[in-house]
Amino acid sequence: MAVEHTSEIKLVVGLDENRVPEELNWSAQDGGIENEEAKAMMLSVWDSKNKESLKIDLWTKDMPVDEMKIFFHQTLVTMSDTFMKATQDEKMTATMKDFCDYFAEKLELK
């Protein structure tokens, strides 16, 4: 099957003199997002040749710790949803959701 369309997601990281993120902005034209500010990001890609996950985790200096905890929790919940869509493994998805609930409880997010 030939590629008929491409879509670009752009990330721009503003760094201080020590190369620590000061600003994160992202754009996704197909999603109607143009130069939106973010305080943190996690990006994972699968390298099928080497059978490994490659990742970039960034957050700005002014990302509050309490918001980072919420960000992690929401990311874990989303990962469990994505796992279910990708694998249809209901048992493991339920286990992951249980951990998400435990995580939120221990961090007093709920």
N, C-alpha and C. Protein backbone atom coordinates (compact mmCIF):
# COMPACT_ATOMS: atom_id res chain seq x y z
N MET A 1 0.84 -1.17 0.00
CA MET A 1 0.00 0.00 0.00
C MET A 1 0.89 1.25 0.00
N ALA A 2 0.63 2.15 -0.88
CA ALA A 2 1.42 3.38 -0.99
C ALA A 2 0.93 4.43 -0.01
N VAL A 3 1.84 5.22 0.51
CA VAL A 3 1.49 6.33 1.40
C VAL A 3 0.82 7.41 0.58
N GLU A 4 -0.37 7.80 0.98
CA GLU A 4 -1.12 8.83 0.25
C GLU A 4 -1.09 10.18 0.93
N HIS A 5 -0.78 10.19 2.21
CA HIS A 5 -0.79 11.44 2.97
C HIS A 5 0.25 11.32 4.08
N THR A 6 0.85 12.42 4.44
CA THR A 6 1.73 12.44 5.60
C THR A 6 1.19 13.48 6.58
N SER A 7 1.52 13.28 7.83
CA SER A 7 1.10 14.18 8.89
C SER A 7 2.32 14.47 9.75
N GLU A 8 2.52 15.70 10.10
CA GLU A 8 3.70 16.08 10.86
C GLU A 8 3.30 16.57 12.25
N ILE A 9 4.02 16.08 13.25
CA ILE A 9 3.89 16.56 14.61
C ILE A 9 5.24 17.20 14.93
N LYS A 10 5.20 18.45 15.36
CA LYS A 10 6.43 19.21 15.59
C LYS A 10 6.56 19.54 17.06
N LEU A 11 7.76 19.32 17.61
CA LEU A 11 8.08 19.67 18.99
C LEU A 11 9.22 20.68 18.98
N VAL A 12 9.07 21.73 19.75
CA VAL A 12 10.12 22.74 19.87
C VAL A 12 10.46 22.88 21.35
N VAL A 13 11.74 22.70 21.68
CA VAL A 13 12.19 22.77 23.05
C VAL A 13 13.12 23.97 23.21
N GLY A 14 12.73 24.90 24.06
CA GLY A 14 13.58 26.05 24.38
C GLY A 14 14.44 25.72 25.58
N LEU A 15 15.76 25.82 25.43
CA LEU A 15 16.70 25.43 26.47
C LEU A 15 17.40 26.63 27.10
N ASP A 16 17.78 26.49 28.37
CA ASP A 16 18.57 27.54 29.01
C ASP A 16 20.05 27.32 28.70
N GLU A 17 20.91 28.07 29.35
CA GLU A 17 22.35 27.98 29.07
C GLU A 17 22.94 26.63 29.43
N ASN A 18 22.27 25.87 30.32
CA ASN A 18 22.72 24.54 30.71
C ASN A 18 22.00 23.43 29.95
N ARG A 19 21.24 23.82 28.93
CA ARG A 19 20.49 22.91 28.07
C ARG A 19 19.37 22.19 28.84
N VAL A 20 18.82 22.90 29.83
CA VAL A 20 17.67 22.41 30.59
C VAL A 20 16.43 23.04 29.97
N PRO A 21 15.38 22.26 29.73
CA PRO A 21 14.18 22.82 29.09
C PRO A 21 13.54 23.97 29.87
N GLU A 22 13.34 25.07 29.19
CA GLU A 22 12.63 26.24 29.73
C GLU A 22 11.22 26.28 29.17
N GLU A 23 11.09 25.88 27.90
CA GLU A 23 9.80 25.93 27.20
C GLU A 23 9.63 24.69 26.33
N LEU A 24 8.39 24.22 26.25
CA LEU A 24 8.02 23.15 25.33
C LEU A 24 6.81 23.63 24.55
N ASN A 25 6.88 23.52 23.25
CA ASN A 25 5.75 23.87 22.39
C ASN A 25 5.59 22.77 21.35
N TRP A 26 4.34 22.56 20.95
CA TRP A 26 4.08 21.51 19.97
C TRP A 26 3.01 21.96 18.99
N SER A 27 3.09 21.39 17.80
CA SER A 27 2.14 21.67 16.73
C SER A 27 1.76 20.35 16.06
N ALA A 28 0.50 20.24 15.69
CA ALA A 28 -0.01 19.09 14.92
C ALA A 28 -1.10 19.65 14.02
N GLN A 29 -0.71 20.04 12.83
CA GLN A 29 -1.61 20.74 11.92
C GLN A 29 -2.90 19.95 11.66
N ASP A 30 -2.79 18.64 11.48
CA ASP A 30 -3.99 17.83 11.23
C ASP A 30 -4.95 17.82 12.42
N GLY A 31 -4.42 18.08 13.61
CA GLY A 31 -5.26 18.11 14.80
C GLY A 31 -5.67 19.52 15.20
N GLY A 32 -5.28 20.50 14.39
CA GLY A 32 -5.64 21.88 14.69
C GLY A 32 -4.83 22.49 15.83
N ILE A 33 -3.67 21.92 16.11
CA ILE A 33 -2.80 22.42 17.19
C ILE A 33 -1.66 23.21 16.55
N GLU A 34 -1.48 24.43 17.00
CA GLU A 34 -0.41 25.26 16.45
C GLU A 34 0.34 25.94 17.58
N ASN A 35 1.59 25.51 17.79
CA ASN A 35 2.50 26.13 18.75
C ASN A 35 1.89 26.24 20.15
N GLU A 36 1.31 25.14 20.63
CA GLU A 36 0.71 25.10 21.96
C GLU A 36 1.79 24.84 23.01
N GLU A 37 1.67 25.52 24.14
CA GLU A 37 2.61 25.34 25.23
C GLU A 37 2.32 24.05 25.99
N ALA A 38 3.37 23.41 26.46
CA ALA A 38 3.27 22.24 27.33
C ALA A 38 4.33 22.37 28.41
N LYS A 39 4.11 21.71 29.52
CA LYS A 39 5.09 21.74 30.61
C LYS A 39 5.88 20.44 30.70
N ALA A 40 5.35 19.37 30.09
CA ALA A 40 6.04 18.08 30.12
C ALA A 40 5.60 17.26 28.92
N MET A 41 6.45 16.30 28.55
CA MET A 41 6.12 15.39 27.44
C MET A 41 6.85 14.07 27.63
N MET A 42 6.22 13.02 27.13
CA MET A 42 6.84 11.70 27.06
C MET A 42 6.58 11.18 25.66
N LEU A 43 7.64 10.80 24.98
CA LEU A 43 7.52 10.27 23.63
C LEU A 43 8.24 8.94 23.57
N SER A 44 7.54 7.91 23.13
CA SER A 44 8.15 6.59 22.94
C SER A 44 7.96 6.15 21.51
N VAL A 45 8.99 5.58 20.94
CA VAL A 45 8.91 5.00 19.60
C VAL A 45 9.49 3.59 19.67
N TRP A 46 8.97 2.70 18.82
CA TRP A 46 9.42 1.32 18.80
C TRP A 46 10.42 1.12 17.68
N ASP A 47 11.59 0.65 18.03
CA ASP A 47 12.63 0.29 17.08
C ASP A 47 12.49 -1.22 16.84
N SER A 48 11.79 -1.59 15.77
CA SER A 48 11.54 -3.02 15.53
C SER A 48 12.81 -3.77 15.14
N LYS A 49 13.74 -3.08 14.55
CA LYS A 49 15.00 -3.74 14.17
C LYS A 49 15.74 -4.25 15.40
N ASN A 50 15.83 -3.41 16.43
CA ASN A 50 16.55 -3.78 17.65
C ASN A 50 15.63 -4.28 18.77
N LYS A 51 14.32 -4.31 18.48
CA LYS A 51 13.33 -4.77 19.46
C LYS A 51 13.45 -4.02 20.78
N GLU A 52 13.45 -2.68 20.67
CA GLU A 52 13.54 -1.88 21.88
C GLU A 52 12.77 -0.57 21.74
N SER A 53 12.37 -0.08 22.88
CA SER A 53 11.66 1.19 22.95
C SER A 53 12.68 2.31 23.12
N LEU A 54 12.50 3.36 22.35
CA LEU A 54 13.34 4.55 22.47
C LEU A 54 12.44 5.66 22.99
N LYS A 55 12.96 6.49 23.86
CA LYS A 55 12.07 7.48 24.45
C LYS A 55 12.76 8.80 24.72
N ILE A 56 11.92 9.82 24.80
CA ILE A 56 12.33 11.16 25.20
C ILE A 56 11.34 11.61 26.27
N ASP A 57 11.83 11.93 27.44
CA ASP A 57 11.02 12.48 28.52
C ASP A 57 11.59 13.85 28.86
N LEU A 58 10.76 14.87 28.74
CA LEU A 58 11.20 16.23 29.04
C LEU A 58 10.16 16.95 29.88
N TRP A 59 10.63 17.82 30.74
CA TRP A 59 9.72 18.71 31.45
C TRP A 59 10.46 20.00 31.73
N THR A 60 9.69 21.08 31.82
CA THR A 60 10.28 22.39 32.04
C THR A 60 10.62 22.57 33.51
N LYS A 61 11.51 23.52 33.77
CA LYS A 61 11.93 23.81 35.13
C LYS A 61 10.76 24.20 36.03
N ASP A 62 9.74 24.82 35.44
CA ASP A 62 8.63 25.30 36.24
C ASP A 62 7.44 24.33 36.28
N MET A 63 7.66 23.07 35.88
CA MET A 63 6.61 22.06 35.99
C MET A 63 6.44 21.71 37.46
N PRO A 64 5.27 22.00 38.06
CA PRO A 64 5.07 21.70 39.47
C PRO A 64 5.03 20.19 39.73
N VAL A 65 5.59 19.76 40.85
CA VAL A 65 5.63 18.35 41.19
C VAL A 65 4.23 17.77 41.30
N ASP A 66 3.29 18.52 41.87
CA ASP A 66 1.93 17.98 42.00
C ASP A 66 1.30 17.75 40.62
N GLU A 67 1.60 18.62 39.66
CA GLU A 67 1.10 18.40 38.30
C GLU A 67 1.82 17.24 37.62
N MET A 68 3.10 17.04 37.94
CA MET A 68 3.85 15.91 37.37
C MET A 68 3.23 14.60 37.84
N LYS A 69 2.81 14.54 39.09
CA LYS A 69 2.17 13.33 39.60
C LYS A 69 0.86 13.04 38.86
N ILE A 70 0.08 14.08 38.61
CA ILE A 70 -1.17 13.92 37.84
C ILE A 70 -0.86 13.50 36.41
N PHE A 71 0.15 14.13 35.81
CA PHE A 71 0.57 13.80 34.45
C PHE A 71 0.94 12.33 34.34
N PHE A 72 1.73 11.84 35.31
CA PHE A 72 2.12 10.43 35.30
C PHE A 72 0.90 9.53 35.43
N HIS A 73 0.01 9.86 36.34
CA HIS A 73 -1.18 9.03 36.53
C HIS A 73 -2.01 8.97 35.25
N GLN A 74 -2.27 10.12 34.66
CA GLN A 74 -3.06 10.15 33.43
C GLN A 74 -2.36 9.40 32.30
N THR A 75 -1.05 9.49 32.24
CA THR A 75 -0.29 8.77 31.23
C THR A 75 -0.41 7.26 31.43
N LEU A 76 -0.32 6.81 32.67
CA LEU A 76 -0.48 5.38 32.95
C LEU A 76 -1.87 4.88 32.58
N VAL A 77 -2.90 5.66 32.89
CA VAL A 77 -4.27 5.28 32.53
C VAL A 77 -4.40 5.18 31.01
N THR A 78 -3.85 6.17 30.31
CA THR A 78 -3.91 6.18 28.85
C THR A 78 -3.15 4.99 28.27
N MET A 79 -2.01 4.65 28.87
CA MET A 79 -1.25 3.50 28.39
C MET A 79 -2.04 2.21 28.56
N SER A 80 -2.78 2.09 29.65
CA SER A 80 -3.59 0.88 29.83
C SER A 80 -4.71 0.82 28.80
N ASP A 81 -5.31 1.97 28.48
CA ASP A 81 -6.33 2.02 27.44
C ASP A 81 -5.74 1.62 26.08
N THR A 82 -4.58 2.16 25.78
CA THR A 82 -3.91 1.85 24.52
C THR A 82 -3.51 0.38 24.46
N PHE A 83 -3.05 -0.16 25.59
CA PHE A 83 -2.69 -1.57 25.64
C PHE A 83 -3.90 -2.44 25.29
N MET A 84 -5.06 -2.07 25.82
CA MET A 84 -6.28 -2.83 25.53
C MET A 84 -6.62 -2.76 24.05
N LYS A 85 -6.58 -1.56 23.47
CA LYS A 85 -6.88 -1.40 22.04
C LYS A 85 -5.92 -2.21 21.18
N ALA A 86 -4.65 -2.24 21.57
CA ALA A 86 -3.63 -2.89 20.76
C ALA A 86 -3.61 -4.41 20.91
N THR A 87 -3.98 -4.91 22.10
CA THR A 87 -3.81 -6.35 22.35
C THR A 87 -5.10 -7.11 22.64
N GLN A 88 -6.14 -6.40 23.02
CA GLN A 88 -7.40 -7.03 23.45
C GLN A 88 -7.20 -7.94 24.66
N ASP A 89 -6.16 -7.70 25.44
CA ASP A 89 -5.85 -8.50 26.62
C ASP A 89 -6.57 -7.89 27.83
N GLU A 90 -7.78 -8.35 28.07
CA GLU A 90 -8.62 -7.78 29.14
C GLU A 90 -8.05 -8.03 30.53
N LYS A 91 -7.48 -9.20 30.74
CA LYS A 91 -6.94 -9.53 32.06
C LYS A 91 -5.79 -8.61 32.45
N MET A 92 -4.83 -8.43 31.54
CA MET A 92 -3.69 -7.57 31.85
C MET A 92 -4.12 -6.11 31.93
N THR A 93 -5.08 -5.71 31.10
CA THR A 93 -5.58 -4.34 31.16
C THR A 93 -6.20 -4.07 32.53
N ALA A 94 -6.96 -5.02 33.04
CA ALA A 94 -7.57 -4.86 34.37
C ALA A 94 -6.48 -4.74 35.44
N THR A 95 -5.42 -5.52 35.30
CA THR A 95 -4.30 -5.45 36.24
C THR A 95 -3.64 -4.07 36.18
N MET A 96 -3.46 -3.58 34.97
CA MET A 96 -2.86 -2.25 34.80
C MET A 96 -3.76 -1.17 35.41
N LYS A 97 -5.06 -1.29 35.21
CA LYS A 97 -6.02 -0.32 35.78
C LYS A 97 -5.98 -0.36 37.31
N ASP A 98 -5.86 -1.58 37.87
CA ASP A 98 -5.73 -1.70 39.32
C ASP A 98 -4.50 -0.95 39.82
N PHE A 99 -3.38 -1.10 39.08
CA PHE A 99 -2.18 -0.37 39.48
C PHE A 99 -2.40 1.14 39.38
N CYS A 100 -3.09 1.59 38.35
CA CYS A 100 -3.38 3.02 38.21
C CYS A 100 -4.18 3.53 39.40
N ASP A 101 -5.15 2.75 39.85
CA ASP A 101 -5.93 3.12 41.03
C ASP A 101 -5.05 3.17 42.27
N TYR A 102 -4.17 2.17 42.41
CA TYR A 102 -3.23 2.13 43.54
C TYR A 102 -2.30 3.34 43.51
N PHE A 103 -1.78 3.65 42.35
CA PHE A 103 -0.87 4.78 42.15
C PHE A 103 -1.56 6.08 42.59
N ALA A 104 -2.80 6.27 42.12
CA ALA A 104 -3.57 7.49 42.46
C ALA A 104 -3.84 7.54 43.97
N GLU A 105 -4.16 6.39 44.55
CA GLU A 105 -4.45 6.35 45.98
C GLU A 105 -3.21 6.73 46.79
N LYS A 106 -2.07 6.15 46.45
CA LYS A 106 -0.82 6.42 47.18
C LYS A 106 -0.37 7.87 47.04
N LEU A 107 -0.66 8.47 45.90
CA LEU A 107 -0.30 9.88 45.70
C LEU A 107 -1.41 10.83 46.14
N GLU A 108 -2.50 10.24 46.64
CA GLU A 108 -3.65 11.00 47.12
C GLU A 108 -4.21 11.89 46.01
N LEU A 109 -4.32 11.31 44.81
CA LEU A 109 -4.89 12.03 43.68
C LEU A 109 -6.40 11.87 43.62
N LYS A 110 -6.92 10.82 44.25
CA LYS A 110 -8.36 10.57 44.24
C LYS A 110 -8.92 10.73 45.63
